[in-house]
Amino acid sequence: MPDSEPASTSRGTRLALGAGILAYAALLWALIGAVPGGSDNSGYFNEARLFAQGRIHTPMRTLAGIPAQEVPFLYVPLGFRPAGAAQLVPTYPPGLPLLLVPAARLVGWERAGDVILILHSLAGLALMFALGRLCGLPGSWALAGAAVLAASPLYLYTSLQALSDVPATAWATAAVVAALKSRGRSGWAFACGVCIAVGFLVRPTNFLVAIPVLFALGCSPARLGLAALGALPGLAAWMAINHAAYGQTLESGYGAIGNEFHAGLIPATLVFYARWLPLLLSPIVLAAPFVLALGRAGGRIAWMLVSWAACFLAFYCAYRWTREQWWFLRFVLPAAPALIVAGLAALRHLFEKGGGPSGGARRWLAPALVLVAALGVEASQTNPLREARWIGSGERKYGRVADWLEAHVPAGSVLVVSQASGALYYYTGFTLLREEELSPAIADRVRASARAGGHGLFAVLWPHEKEVLRKLPGTWAQIGSIEDVTVWRCGAEASLPDGK
């Protein structure tokens, strides 16, 4: 695992990498739906639109007679939080929204998310290959590492929607790759700092990548200074945005996030890691810790890889959401490149120590066998992979619901919503009420206010939300449906959706 630049990559390996990336791009384009949808997805787009308009706050859409101060979250869509007098402010980090703005100017808002996610996903695979080469893996082994990452249900799942996980992974990998390359040309250290800053803007927990970066940069004041210089503008932008949004330079939109971390969750999360990471990232990751046993053959690079994986896994080990479902392991996706490369390095060392073949076409035998075994395990996760087929369509459904509402519901109407609140705030101009905040007393006042103002009162419900109507007073009648989403109107007159 050398400190110097790797030997040149063969033409065949480069062609295989390029062909694989093109095929992956075609797959993503066919399945992707990086549009305003659930809370995270719509939150990033709502924030991006505000940035495009040169602002960070936006007024609440309120009802007469029910002030926002009385029920603070009644008018707050997912992805926002109250701010000041009847104002909303986004809760999400600014990095992905800032990237969406120029993309929207080039390709339009409808395709901006698709373009940004696909570019980051493909860049992540290319950087994965580069990382393997810089860590001493031959081209065939590095290519296997990129293929394992591409085939991961976790990587594919988060490449198909407007989430920050794949961008965070790509920028973390780019920072380490740039740091390693700075050993040969110090100017790369400045690029490393820029990558750290962009990754931090995308997801603040990406600051953890500074630990492996320090191993990669080494004890060079010049390189460390250049990296710091590259990171400063991004960190300053983060602080300025925080101050404008929340009044404090070090406050984030998540608020007291420390309440989400509990030491008592660590044992169960470790078990969850042990169960799911070998399935979602292949059993290769089980060999990752053994890279430290390579001795001089590993050295600084081995410690860099292990510290990289360990700091992300340790940070999220006490996070309450990490072990909820397999897809919540997307939070530790930035550790995936380190886990895979470390595992491959350990397996290659074991193979060579055991007298495996080398030279000519035989150098492909070991990585090919490892790759086939790894892909077999990843492909066995049929449920995650099957879900990937419907992710894009599922996210675009929010837009189809919005189109139906604008065609059939009178302008100025009031909608009771929950899951769709962020997306409908983005797509429509309706007044939105969070159903979680509607106590019977508030619901009665909402009906009275809507009636007095001549506004229709509707509910837009996903399948798991139909019980909402049981707690709302009045007579509700279904007036339409969009796939499995139903639309209801309050009042005996509720009937037909044809016309407003």
Protein backbone atom coordinates (compact mmCIF):
# COMPACT_ATOMS: atom_id res chain seq x y z
CA MET A 1 0.00 0.00 0.00
CA PRO A 2 2.34 2.69 -1.27
CA ASP A 3 2.56 6.39 -0.52
CA SER A 4 3.48 7.20 -4.11
CA GLU A 5 1.27 7.43 -7.19
CA PRO A 6 0.21 4.00 -8.53
CA ALA A 7 1.49 2.60 -11.77
CA SER A 8 -0.53 3.56 -14.81
CA THR A 9 -3.84 1.76 -15.24
CA SER A 10 -4.11 -0.53 -18.25
CA ARG A 11 -6.23 0.48 -21.21
CA GLY A 12 -8.52 -2.52 -20.71
CA THR A 13 -9.22 -1.55 -17.12
CA ARG A 14 -9.97 2.03 -18.11
CA LEU A 15 -12.35 0.84 -20.82
CA ALA A 16 -14.09 -1.50 -18.39
CA LEU A 17 -14.50 1.31 -15.87
CA GLY A 18 -15.86 3.68 -18.52
CA ALA A 19 -18.28 1.10 -19.88
CA GLY A 20 -19.49 0.28 -16.38
CA ILE A 21 -20.09 3.93 -15.54
CA LEU A 22 -22.02 4.48 -18.77
CA ALA A 23 -24.18 1.42 -18.09
CA TYR A 24 -24.83 2.62 -14.55
CA ALA A 25 -25.77 6.06 -15.85
CA ALA A 26 -28.35 4.48 -18.17
CA LEU A 27 -29.79 2.46 -15.29
CA LEU A 28 -30.07 5.52 -13.05
CA TRP A 29 -31.66 7.62 -15.76
CA ALA A 30 -34.32 4.96 -16.29
CA LEU A 31 -35.21 4.66 -12.60
CA ILE A 32 -34.43 8.00 -10.96
CA GLY A 33 -36.94 10.36 -9.39
CA ALA A 34 -34.87 13.00 -7.58
CA VAL A 35 -37.81 15.39 -7.21
CA PRO A 36 -39.76 16.97 -4.32
CA GLY A 37 -41.37 14.06 -2.49
CA GLY A 38 -41.07 13.04 1.15
CA SER A 39 -39.75 15.23 3.92
CA ASP A 40 -36.04 15.18 3.00
CA ASN A 41 -36.58 15.29 -0.74
CA SER A 42 -39.07 18.17 -0.70
CA GLY A 43 -37.10 19.96 2.01
CA TYR A 44 -34.02 20.23 -0.18
CA PHE A 45 -36.06 21.55 -3.11
CA ASN A 46 -37.98 24.08 -1.02
CA GLU A 47 -34.69 25.37 0.36
CA ALA A 48 -33.12 25.47 -3.11
CA ARG A 49 -36.02 27.53 -4.45
CA LEU A 50 -35.62 30.01 -1.61
CA PHE A 51 -31.88 30.29 -2.37
CA ALA A 52 -32.72 30.86 -6.05
CA GLN A 53 -34.96 33.74 -4.92
CA GLY A 54 -32.22 35.18 -2.72
CA ARG A 55 -33.91 34.47 0.61
CA ILE A 56 -33.97 31.92 3.40
CA HIS A 57 -37.28 32.72 5.15
CA THR A 58 -40.77 32.46 3.70
CA PRO A 59 -44.20 33.43 5.11
CA MET A 60 -46.54 30.82 6.53
CA ARG A 61 -49.85 30.29 4.77
CA THR A 62 -52.27 30.87 7.64
CA LEU A 63 -56.01 30.91 8.33
CA ALA A 64 -57.83 33.93 9.73
CA GLY A 65 -58.55 33.63 13.42
CA ILE A 66 -55.92 30.95 14.15
CA PRO A 67 -52.58 32.74 14.62
CA ALA A 68 -49.39 30.81 14.01
CA GLN A 69 -48.12 31.63 17.49
CA GLU A 70 -51.01 29.72 19.05
CA VAL A 71 -50.26 26.41 17.32
CA PRO A 72 -46.63 26.84 16.16
CA PHE A 73 -46.40 23.78 13.86
CA LEU A 74 -49.93 23.81 12.44
CA TYR A 75 -48.80 25.62 9.28
CA VAL A 76 -45.28 24.14 9.10
CA PRO A 77 -44.68 21.64 6.24
CA LEU A 78 -42.11 18.89 6.64
CA GLY A 79 -38.62 20.23 6.07
CA PHE A 80 -39.35 23.59 7.72
CA ARG A 81 -39.49 24.99 11.22
CA PRO A 82 -41.13 28.17 12.59
CA ALA A 83 -39.05 31.34 12.54
CA GLY A 84 -40.19 34.67 13.93
CA ALA A 85 -43.63 36.07 13.26
CA ALA A 86 -45.46 33.58 11.03
CA GLN A 87 -42.30 32.76 9.08
CA LEU A 88 -40.81 29.46 7.96
CA VAL A 89 -37.14 28.53 7.63
CA PRO A 90 -35.71 25.28 6.16
CA THR A 91 -34.18 22.73 8.51
CA TYR A 92 -31.80 20.98 6.13
CA PRO A 93 -28.09 21.69 5.47
CA PRO A 94 -27.55 24.09 2.56
CA GLY A 95 -25.11 22.06 0.46
CA LEU A 96 -27.44 20.03 -1.74
CA PRO A 97 -29.88 22.96 -2.24
CA LEU A 98 -26.96 25.17 -3.29
CA LEU A 99 -25.96 22.55 -5.88
CA LEU A 100 -29.54 22.32 -7.16
CA VAL A 101 -29.79 26.04 -7.95
CA PRO A 102 -27.26 26.21 -10.84
CA ALA A 103 -28.46 22.82 -12.11
CA ALA A 104 -32.03 24.16 -12.24
CA ARG A 105 -30.87 27.15 -14.26
CA LEU A 106 -29.24 24.83 -16.77
CA VAL A 107 -31.79 22.02 -17.10
CA GLY A 108 -34.89 23.29 -15.25
CA TRP A 109 -36.27 22.37 -11.85
CA GLU A 110 -37.94 19.20 -13.09
CA ARG A 111 -34.62 17.55 -13.98
CA ALA A 112 -32.18 19.39 -11.69
CA GLY A 113 -32.28 16.76 -8.97
CA ASP A 114 -31.88 13.90 -11.44
CA VAL A 115 -28.78 15.50 -12.95
CA ILE A 116 -27.17 16.32 -9.60
CA LEU A 117 -27.77 12.86 -8.13
CA ILE A 118 -26.61 10.99 -11.22
CA LEU A 119 -23.43 13.07 -11.49
CA HIS A 120 -22.60 12.47 -7.84
CA SER A 121 -23.36 8.77 -8.09
CA LEU A 122 -21.11 8.30 -11.12
CA ALA A 123 -18.40 10.47 -9.59
CA GLY A 124 -18.58 8.35 -6.45
CA LEU A 125 -17.84 5.22 -8.49
CA ALA A 126 -14.94 6.83 -10.35
CA LEU A 127 -13.52 8.13 -7.06
CA MET A 128 -13.93 4.68 -5.53
CA PHE A 129 -11.73 3.29 -8.29
CA ALA A 130 -9.19 6.09 -7.82
CA LEU A 131 -9.12 5.48 -4.06
CA GLY A 132 -8.38 1.80 -4.59
CA ARG A 133 -5.51 2.57 -6.93
CA LEU A 134 -4.03 5.19 -4.59
CA CYS A 135 -4.25 2.69 -1.73
CA GLY A 136 -2.15 0.21 -3.67
CA LEU A 137 -4.77 -2.02 -5.26
CA PRO A 138 -4.08 -3.21 -8.82
CA GLY A 139 -6.50 -1.97 -11.45
CA SER A 140 -8.53 -5.20 -11.46
CA TRP A 141 -9.03 -5.08 -7.69
CA ALA A 142 -9.90 -1.38 -7.73
CA LEU A 143 -12.41 -2.05 -10.50
CA ALA A 144 -13.97 -4.78 -8.38
CA GLY A 145 -14.32 -2.29 -5.52
CA ALA A 146 -16.17 0.20 -7.72
CA ALA A 147 -18.49 -2.59 -8.94
CA VAL A 148 -19.26 -3.69 -5.38
CA LEU A 149 -20.20 -0.14 -4.42
CA ALA A 150 -22.36 0.28 -7.55
CA ALA A 151 -24.22 -2.97 -6.85
CA SER A 152 -24.92 -2.11 -3.23
CA PRO A 153 -28.68 -1.81 -2.65
CA LEU A 154 -27.85 1.03 -0.25
CA TYR A 155 -25.91 2.99 -2.88
CA LEU A 156 -28.49 2.38 -5.60
CA TYR A 157 -31.40 3.25 -3.29
CA THR A 158 -29.87 6.61 -2.35
CA SER A 159 -28.79 7.39 -5.92
CA LEU A 160 -32.39 7.42 -7.14
CA GLN A 161 -33.89 10.20 -5.00
CA ALA A 162 -33.07 13.66 -3.73
CA LEU A 163 -31.09 12.66 -0.64
CA SER A 164 -27.69 13.86 0.53
CA ASP A 165 -26.13 10.44 1.20
CA VAL A 166 -24.51 9.79 -2.18
CA PRO A 167 -23.27 13.39 -2.55
CA ALA A 168 -21.84 13.21 0.98
CA THR A 169 -20.09 9.95 0.08
CA ALA A 170 -18.70 11.34 -3.16
CA TRP A 171 -17.29 14.49 -1.51
CA ALA A 172 -15.80 12.53 1.40
CA THR A 173 -14.06 10.20 -1.05
CA ALA A 174 -12.91 13.13 -3.17
CA ALA A 175 -11.36 14.77 -0.09
CA VAL A 176 -9.35 11.65 0.76
CA VAL A 177 -8.31 11.06 -2.86
CA ALA A 178 -7.12 14.67 -3.15
CA ALA A 179 -5.24 14.37 0.14
CA LEU A 180 -3.46 11.22 -1.07
CA LYS A 181 -2.56 12.85 -4.37
CA SER A 182 -1.11 15.86 -2.51
CA ARG A 183 1.82 13.64 -1.55
CA GLY A 184 2.94 13.93 -5.15
CA ARG A 185 1.76 17.47 -5.87
CA SER A 186 0.99 19.75 -2.92
CA GLY A 187 -1.64 21.74 -4.82
CA TRP A 188 -4.02 18.83 -4.35
CA ALA A 189 -4.15 19.71 -0.65
CA PHE A 190 -6.07 22.88 -1.51
CA ALA A 191 -8.53 20.79 -3.55
CA CYS A 192 -8.83 18.48 -0.55
CA GLY A 193 -9.89 21.41 1.62
CA VAL A 194 -12.50 22.50 -0.92
CA CYS A 195 -13.93 18.96 -1.00
CA ILE A 196 -14.09 18.86 2.79
CA ALA A 197 -15.98 22.16 2.84
CA VAL A 198 -18.47 21.16 0.15
CA GLY A 199 -19.06 17.82 1.87
CA PHE A 200 -19.58 19.65 5.16
CA LEU A 201 -22.15 21.94 3.53
CA VAL A 202 -23.93 18.88 2.13
CA ARG A 203 -23.91 17.10 5.49
CA PRO A 204 -22.20 18.60 8.56
CA THR A 205 -21.23 15.17 9.90
CA ASN A 206 -18.86 14.94 6.94
CA PHE A 207 -16.42 16.84 9.18
CA LEU A 208 -15.48 13.34 10.35
CA VAL A 209 -13.56 12.84 7.10
CA ALA A 210 -10.95 15.23 8.50
CA ILE A 211 -9.58 12.30 10.53
CA PRO A 212 -8.58 10.10 7.57
CA VAL A 213 -7.53 13.23 5.68
CA LEU A 214 -4.95 13.95 8.38
CA PHE A 215 -3.47 10.47 7.87
CA ALA A 216 -3.45 11.07 4.12
CA LEU A 217 -1.89 14.54 4.23
CA GLY A 218 0.77 13.61 6.76
CA CYS A 219 2.72 15.98 8.99
CA SER A 220 3.34 18.63 6.37
CA PRO A 221 2.60 22.21 7.48
CA ALA A 222 2.40 23.28 3.83
CA ARG A 223 -0.17 20.67 2.88
CA LEU A 224 -2.17 21.18 6.07
CA GLY A 225 -2.17 24.94 5.50
CA LEU A 226 -3.36 24.56 1.91
CA ALA A 227 -6.15 22.21 2.98
CA ALA A 228 -7.28 24.69 5.65
CA LEU A 229 -7.18 27.51 3.11
CA GLY A 230 -9.35 25.53 0.70
CA ALA A 231 -11.90 24.73 3.40
CA LEU A 232 -12.28 28.23 4.86
CA PRO A 233 -14.63 29.79 2.25
CA GLY A 234 -17.09 26.89 2.52
CA LEU A 235 -17.06 26.98 6.31
CA ALA A 236 -17.58 30.75 6.24
CA ALA A 237 -20.55 30.30 3.87
CA TRP A 238 -22.06 27.70 6.23
CA MET A 239 -21.78 30.06 9.18
CA ALA A 240 -23.24 32.98 7.22
CA ILE A 241 -26.23 30.92 6.07
CA ASN A 242 -26.81 29.67 9.62
CA HIS A 243 -26.74 33.22 10.96
CA ALA A 244 -29.21 34.40 8.33
CA ALA A 245 -31.51 31.43 8.90
CA TYR A 246 -31.35 30.83 12.65
CA GLY A 247 -29.65 33.88 14.14
CA GLN A 248 -26.57 31.92 15.29
CA THR A 249 -23.50 31.03 13.23
CA LEU A 250 -23.11 27.59 14.82
CA GLU A 251 -26.78 26.62 15.02
CA SER A 252 -28.25 24.17 12.53
CA GLY A 253 -31.82 23.68 11.44
CA TYR A 254 -32.01 20.42 13.34
CA GLY A 255 -32.04 22.18 16.69
CA ALA A 256 -31.04 20.13 19.74
CA ILE A 257 -29.91 17.09 17.75
CA GLY A 258 -28.09 15.78 20.80
CA ASN A 259 -31.43 14.52 22.04
CA GLU A 260 -31.36 11.97 19.21
CA PHE A 261 -28.20 10.25 20.53
CA HIS A 262 -28.33 7.73 23.39
CA ALA A 263 -25.52 5.49 24.64
CA GLY A 264 -28.02 2.75 25.40
CA LEU A 265 -28.62 2.26 21.66
CA ILE A 266 -25.02 1.29 20.91
CA PRO A 267 -25.22 -2.51 21.55
CA ALA A 268 -28.30 -2.96 19.35
CA THR A 269 -26.80 -0.78 16.61
CA LEU A 270 -23.60 -2.84 16.60
CA VAL A 271 -25.71 -5.96 16.09
CA PHE A 272 -27.57 -4.17 13.29
CA TYR A 273 -24.25 -3.24 11.64
CA ALA A 274 -23.07 -6.85 11.88
CA ARG A 275 -26.28 -8.12 10.31
CA TRP A 276 -26.78 -5.63 7.48
CA LEU A 277 -23.44 -4.17 6.36
CA PRO A 278 -22.14 -7.51 4.98
CA LEU A 279 -25.38 -7.83 3.02
CA LEU A 280 -25.63 -4.28 1.72
CA LEU A 281 -21.90 -3.73 1.07
CA SER A 282 -20.98 -7.43 0.58
CA PRO A 283 -19.04 -9.69 2.98
CA ILE A 284 -15.85 -7.97 1.79
CA VAL A 285 -16.35 -5.48 4.62
CA LEU A 286 -15.84 -8.26 7.19
CA ALA A 287 -12.18 -8.39 6.15
CA ALA A 288 -11.68 -4.62 6.54
CA PRO A 289 -10.27 -4.65 10.12
CA PHE A 290 -7.60 -7.15 9.06
CA VAL A 291 -5.97 -4.53 6.88
CA LEU A 292 -4.20 -3.44 10.07
CA ALA A 293 -2.51 -6.83 10.22
CA LEU A 294 -0.57 -6.13 7.03
CA GLY A 295 2.18 -4.45 9.05
CA ARG A 296 4.58 -2.47 6.92
CA ALA A 297 2.60 -3.42 3.85
CA GLY A 298 -0.30 -1.42 5.23
CA GLY A 299 1.14 1.35 7.37
CA ARG A 300 -0.32 4.80 7.12
CA ILE A 301 -2.85 3.87 4.42
CA ALA A 302 -4.28 1.07 6.54
CA TRP A 303 -4.76 3.37 9.52
CA MET A 304 -6.32 5.97 7.24
CA LEU A 305 -8.91 3.48 5.97
CA VAL A 306 -9.73 2.05 9.38
CA SER A 307 -10.04 5.48 11.02
CA TRP A 308 -12.27 6.63 8.16
CA ALA A 309 -14.70 3.76 8.57
CA ALA A 310 -14.53 3.72 12.36
CA CYS A 311 -15.30 7.40 12.91
CA PHE A 312 -18.52 7.31 10.85
CA LEU A 313 -19.69 3.99 12.27
CA ALA A 314 -18.93 5.12 15.82
CA PHE A 315 -20.65 8.48 15.42
CA TYR A 316 -23.92 6.98 14.21
CA CYS A 317 -23.81 4.04 16.59
CA ALA A 318 -25.76 5.97 19.24
CA TYR A 319 -28.12 7.70 16.79
CA ARG A 320 -31.72 6.66 17.34
CA TRP A 321 -32.58 6.22 13.67
CA THR A 322 -29.58 4.20 12.49
CA ARG A 323 -31.10 0.79 13.28
CA GLU A 324 -34.72 1.52 12.40
CA GLN A 325 -34.62 -0.02 8.92
CA TRP A 326 -31.91 -1.18 6.53
CA TRP A 327 -32.16 2.02 4.47
CA PHE A 328 -31.26 4.15 7.51
CA LEU A 329 -27.72 2.81 7.11
CA ARG A 330 -27.51 5.43 4.39
CA PHE A 331 -26.18 7.68 7.16
CA VAL A 332 -22.97 5.63 7.27
CA LEU A 333 -22.65 5.38 3.49
CA PRO A 334 -19.63 7.77 3.52
CA ALA A 335 -17.76 4.96 5.32
CA ALA A 336 -18.47 2.46 2.52
CA PRO A 337 -15.45 3.28 0.29
CA ALA A 338 -13.06 2.79 3.22
CA LEU A 339 -14.70 -0.47 4.28
CA ILE A 340 -14.62 -1.92 0.76
CA VAL A 341 -11.06 -0.86 -0.08
CA ALA A 342 -9.73 -2.05 3.29
CA GLY A 343 -11.49 -5.39 2.86
CA LEU A 344 -10.15 -5.84 -0.66
CA ALA A 345 -6.62 -4.97 0.46
CA ALA A 346 -6.77 -7.57 3.22
CA LEU A 347 -8.19 -10.24 0.90
CA ARG A 348 -5.59 -9.52 -1.79
CA HIS A 349 -2.79 -9.82 0.77
CA LEU A 350 -4.23 -13.13 1.96
CA PHE A 351 -4.55 -14.39 -1.59
CA GLU A 352 -0.95 -13.47 -2.48
CA LYS A 353 0.37 -14.89 0.76
CA GLY A 354 -1.36 -18.14 -0.08
CA GLY A 355 0.51 -18.34 -3.38
CA GLY A 356 -2.32 -17.29 -5.68
CA PRO A 357 -1.62 -16.81 -9.38
CA SER A 358 -0.18 -13.57 -10.67
CA GLY A 359 0.80 -12.15 -14.00
CA GLY A 360 -1.03 -11.95 -17.31
CA ALA A 361 -4.71 -12.78 -17.43
CA ARG A 362 -4.38 -14.68 -14.14
CA ARG A 363 -4.16 -11.41 -12.21
CA TRP A 364 -7.90 -11.02 -12.85
CA LEU A 365 -8.78 -14.39 -11.34
CA ALA A 366 -8.76 -13.44 -7.65
CA PRO A 367 -10.65 -10.13 -7.96
CA ALA A 368 -13.12 -11.79 -10.33
CA LEU A 369 -13.86 -14.54 -7.82
CA VAL A 370 -14.19 -12.01 -5.00
CA LEU A 371 -16.45 -9.83 -7.15
CA VAL A 372 -18.74 -12.69 -8.16
CA ALA A 373 -19.15 -13.74 -4.54
CA ALA A 374 -19.76 -10.16 -3.41
CA LEU A 375 -22.30 -9.40 -6.11
CA GLY A 376 -24.08 -12.65 -5.37
CA VAL A 377 -24.63 -11.61 -1.77
CA GLU A 378 -25.74 -8.08 -2.72
CA ALA A 379 -28.11 -9.40 -5.38
CA SER A 380 -29.64 -11.78 -2.86
CA GLN A 381 -31.18 -8.77 -1.13
CA THR A 382 -34.20 -8.99 -3.39
CA ASN A 383 -36.48 -6.72 -1.37
CA PRO A 384 -34.13 -3.70 -1.42
CA LEU A 385 -33.36 -4.20 -5.09
CA ARG A 386 -37.02 -4.70 -5.97
CA GLU A 387 -37.88 -1.47 -4.19
CA ALA A 388 -35.35 0.40 -6.32
CA ARG A 389 -37.58 -0.17 -9.36
CA TRP A 390 -40.35 1.91 -7.80
CA ILE A 391 -38.38 4.67 -6.07
CA GLY A 392 -38.43 7.15 -8.93
CA SER A 393 -42.08 6.58 -9.73
CA GLY A 394 -42.98 6.80 -6.04
CA GLU A 395 -41.23 10.14 -5.65
CA ARG A 396 -42.82 11.55 -8.81
CA LYS A 397 -46.25 10.57 -7.46
CA TYR A 398 -46.18 13.65 -5.22
CA GLY A 399 -46.12 15.81 -8.33
CA ARG A 400 -48.99 13.85 -9.86
CA VAL A 401 -51.03 14.39 -6.69
CA ALA A 402 -50.29 18.12 -6.85
CA ASP A 403 -51.37 18.27 -10.50
CA TRP A 404 -54.66 16.52 -9.66
CA LEU A 405 -55.35 18.90 -6.77
CA GLU A 406 -54.73 21.99 -8.85
CA ALA A 407 -57.07 20.63 -11.53
CA HIS A 408 -59.93 19.64 -9.19
CA VAL A 409 -59.67 21.63 -5.97
CA PRO A 410 -60.59 25.35 -5.89
CA ALA A 411 -57.78 27.85 -5.43
CA GLY A 412 -57.57 29.12 -1.86
CA SER A 413 -58.69 25.81 -0.38
CA VAL A 414 -57.29 24.43 2.86
CA LEU A 415 -55.65 20.99 2.85
CA VAL A 416 -55.09 18.71 5.84
CA VAL A 417 -51.85 16.86 5.08
CA SER A 418 -48.90 15.13 6.68
CA GLN A 419 -46.47 13.13 4.54
CA ALA A 420 -47.17 15.23 1.46
CA SER A 421 -46.92 18.60 3.22
CA GLY A 422 -43.43 19.51 1.99
CA ALA A 423 -44.09 18.47 -1.59
CA LEU A 424 -47.49 20.21 -1.76
CA TYR A 425 -45.94 23.36 -0.33
CA TYR A 426 -43.44 23.23 -3.19
CA TYR A 427 -45.88 22.40 -5.97
CA THR A 428 -49.03 24.32 -4.95
CA GLY A 429 -50.22 27.49 -3.26
CA PHE A 430 -52.81 25.89 -0.97
CA THR A 431 -52.93 26.56 2.75
CA LEU A 432 -51.61 23.40 4.39
CA LEU A 433 -52.45 22.15 7.87
CA ARG A 434 -50.39 19.44 9.57
CA GLU A 435 -52.81 16.78 10.74
CA GLU A 436 -50.61 15.98 13.75
CA GLU A 437 -51.40 19.43 15.17
CA LEU A 438 -55.18 19.20 14.74
CA SER A 439 -56.72 18.58 18.13
CA PRO A 440 -60.56 18.38 18.09
CA ALA A 441 -60.78 21.96 19.39
CA ILE A 442 -58.40 23.33 16.75
CA ALA A 443 -60.13 21.26 14.06
CA ASP A 444 -63.48 22.87 14.95
CA ARG A 445 -61.92 26.33 14.67
CA VAL A 446 -60.36 25.39 11.33
CA ARG A 447 -63.77 24.39 9.96
CA ALA A 448 -65.31 27.62 11.18
CA SER A 449 -62.49 29.74 9.74
CA ALA A 450 -62.58 27.95 6.39
CA ARG A 451 -66.36 28.31 6.19
CA ALA A 452 -66.24 32.01 7.09
CA GLY A 453 -63.58 32.68 4.50
CA GLY A 454 -65.33 30.68 1.79
CA HIS A 455 -62.52 28.12 1.61
CA GLY A 456 -63.08 24.45 0.97
CA LEU A 457 -61.56 22.06 3.51
CA PHE A 458 -59.89 18.93 2.12
CA ALA A 459 -57.67 16.10 3.34
CA VAL A 460 -54.95 14.46 1.24
CA LEU A 461 -54.09 11.09 2.71
CA TRP A 462 -51.50 8.43 1.95
CA PRO A 463 -52.68 4.85 2.68
CA HIS A 464 -51.22 4.76 6.19
CA GLU A 465 -52.90 8.08 7.09
CA LYS A 466 -56.58 7.20 6.62
CA GLU A 467 -57.14 6.95 10.36
CA VAL A 468 -56.67 10.73 10.47
CA LEU A 469 -60.31 11.25 9.51
CA ARG A 470 -61.47 9.54 12.69
CA LYS A 471 -60.14 12.36 14.84
CA LEU A 472 -61.44 15.17 12.64
CA PRO A 473 -64.98 16.45 13.30
CA GLY A 474 -67.48 16.82 10.50
CA THR A 475 -68.61 14.71 7.58
CA TRP A 476 -65.92 13.68 5.12
CA ALA A 477 -66.51 12.24 1.67
CA GLN A 478 -63.92 10.94 -0.75
CA ILE A 479 -63.88 12.96 -3.97
CA GLY A 480 -61.03 11.31 -5.80
CA SER A 481 -57.84 9.30 -5.73
CA ILE A 482 -54.43 9.36 -7.36
CA GLU A 483 -53.15 5.81 -7.35
CA ASP A 484 -53.26 4.89 -3.63
CA VAL A 485 -53.57 8.49 -2.41
CA THR A 486 -57.11 9.59 -1.53
CA VAL A 487 -58.60 13.08 -1.43
CA TRP A 488 -61.49 13.90 0.90
CA ARG A 489 -63.73 16.95 1.30
CA CYS A 490 -65.33 18.11 4.52
CA GLY A 491 -69.06 18.87 4.37
CA ALA A 492 -72.21 17.17 3.20
CA GLU A 493 -71.87 18.79 -0.22
CA ALA A 494 -68.68 16.88 -0.99
CA SER A 495 -69.23 14.88 -4.14
CA LEU A 496 -67.65 15.15 -7.57
CA PRO A 497 -64.11 16.09 -8.53
CA ASP A 498 -64.96 17.28 -12.04
CA GLY A 499 -64.61 21.02 -11.88
CA LYS A 500 -64.02 23.49 -9.12
